[in-house]
Amino acid sequence: MAFTAVSKFEVRNNMEDQVRKAFINRPKLVENADGFIGLNVISPKENPAEFWLITHWKSEDHFHHWHDHHRSESHKGIPKGLKLVKRSFELRYFDHITS
């Protein structure tokens, strides 16, 4: 069964545009990870400072291997000075049932 990891965070210091640009121009390192299927980055219309990252993987083991060994490489493009709303970061795991 496929696996989905969803992370959410909210930008505190009005850097939403810089975060959007960073995602649009990201180096796409995760695409080379073993077991990676796809990534969606979304932001709710009622709160544009909030970002949701939805990653799809062949298995939970594939995700955890990437997260434990390669995640920091993918975060090198984070805009300098970015501040998050306290306790806004959340990471949840889902079984992918169907598309």
Protein backbone atom coordinates (compact mmCIF):
# COMPACT_ATOMS: atom_id res chain seq x y z
CA MET A 1 0.00 0.00 0.00
CA ALA A 2 1.30 3.46 -0.85
CA PHE A 3 2.08 5.95 1.89
CA THR A 4 1.47 9.71 2.20
CA ALA A 5 3.18 12.13 4.57
CA VAL A 6 1.55 15.53 5.10
CA SER A 7 3.36 18.38 6.80
CA LYS A 8 1.86 21.77 7.63
CA PHE A 9 3.36 25.01 8.87
CA GLU A 10 2.40 28.68 9.09
CA VAL A 11 4.72 31.59 8.26
CA ARG A 12 4.85 34.21 11.01
CA ASN A 13 6.81 37.09 9.46
CA ASN A 14 5.07 37.96 6.17
CA MET A 15 7.45 35.89 4.01
CA GLU A 16 4.71 33.92 2.24
CA ASP A 17 5.78 35.15 -1.21
CA GLN A 18 9.40 34.14 -0.58
CA VAL A 19 8.26 30.69 0.59
CA ARG A 20 6.10 30.26 -2.52
CA LYS A 21 9.02 31.24 -4.76
CA ALA A 22 11.33 28.86 -2.89
CA PHE A 23 8.94 25.97 -3.52
CA ILE A 24 8.47 26.91 -7.18
CA ASN A 25 12.24 27.17 -7.72
CA ARG A 26 13.29 24.32 -5.43
CA PRO A 27 16.10 22.03 -6.62
CA LYS A 28 13.74 19.00 -6.64
CA LEU A 29 16.13 16.77 -4.72
CA VAL A 30 13.36 14.58 -3.28
CA GLU A 31 12.40 13.50 -6.80
CA ASN A 32 15.56 11.38 -6.87
CA ALA A 33 14.75 9.59 -3.61
CA ASP A 34 14.10 5.88 -3.82
CA GLY A 35 10.37 5.21 -3.51
CA PHE A 36 9.28 8.82 -4.06
CA ILE A 37 6.09 9.19 -6.10
CA GLY A 38 5.13 12.87 -5.97
CA LEU A 39 4.80 16.16 -4.10
CA ASN A 40 2.03 18.72 -3.87
CA VAL A 41 2.43 22.06 -2.07
CA ILE A 42 -0.85 23.80 -1.27
CA SER A 43 -1.96 26.84 0.71
CA PRO A 44 -5.52 27.55 1.90
CA LYS A 45 -7.18 30.61 0.38
CA GLU A 46 -8.39 31.80 3.79
CA ASN A 47 -4.87 31.68 5.27
CA PRO A 48 -2.15 32.19 2.63
CA ALA A 49 0.56 32.09 5.32
CA GLU A 50 -0.18 28.40 5.89
CA PHE A 51 1.50 25.75 3.73
CA TRP A 52 0.76 22.05 3.35
CA LEU A 53 3.27 19.66 1.80
CA ILE A 54 1.81 16.38 0.63
CA THR A 55 4.36 13.74 -0.35
CA HIS A 56 3.50 10.35 -1.79
CA TRP A 57 5.78 7.34 -1.39
CA LYS A 58 5.80 3.68 -2.40
CA SER A 59 6.05 2.76 1.30
CA GLU A 60 6.44 4.23 4.76
CA ASP A 61 9.96 2.76 4.92
CA HIS A 62 10.94 4.74 1.80
CA PHE A 63 9.70 7.95 3.42
CA HIS A 64 11.48 7.34 6.72
CA HIS A 65 14.75 6.51 4.97
CA TRP A 66 14.59 9.81 3.06
CA HIS A 67 13.43 11.76 6.14
CA ASP A 68 16.19 10.33 8.34
CA HIS A 69 19.05 10.66 5.83
CA HIS A 70 18.31 13.29 3.17
CA ARG A 71 15.64 15.74 4.40
CA SER A 72 18.13 18.39 5.50
CA GLU A 73 19.53 18.63 1.94
CA SER A 74 16.07 19.52 0.66
CA HIS A 75 15.69 22.29 3.25
CA LYS A 76 18.75 24.26 2.13
CA GLY A 77 16.54 26.52 -0.03
CA ILE A 78 14.48 27.81 2.88
CA PRO A 79 14.40 31.64 2.74
CA LYS A 80 16.79 33.29 5.19
CA GLY A 81 15.02 34.87 8.17
CA LEU A 82 11.90 32.70 7.87
CA LYS A 83 9.95 32.46 11.13
CA LEU A 84 7.08 30.07 11.78
CA VAL A 85 4.06 30.51 14.03
CA LYS A 86 4.89 28.70 17.26
CA ARG A 87 3.59 25.13 17.32
CA SER A 88 2.21 25.44 13.78
CA PHE A 89 4.38 22.64 12.38
CA GLU A 90 2.60 19.33 12.10
CA LEU A 91 3.60 16.07 10.39
CA ARG A 92 1.00 13.36 9.84
CA TYR A 93 1.11 9.97 8.15
CA PHE A 94 -1.59 8.42 5.96
CA ASP A 95 -2.19 5.15 4.17
CA HIS A 96 -2.96 6.00 0.55
CA ILE A 97 -6.10 4.06 -0.28
CA THR A 98 -6.99 5.31 -3.78
CA SER A 99 -6.53 8.20 -6.22
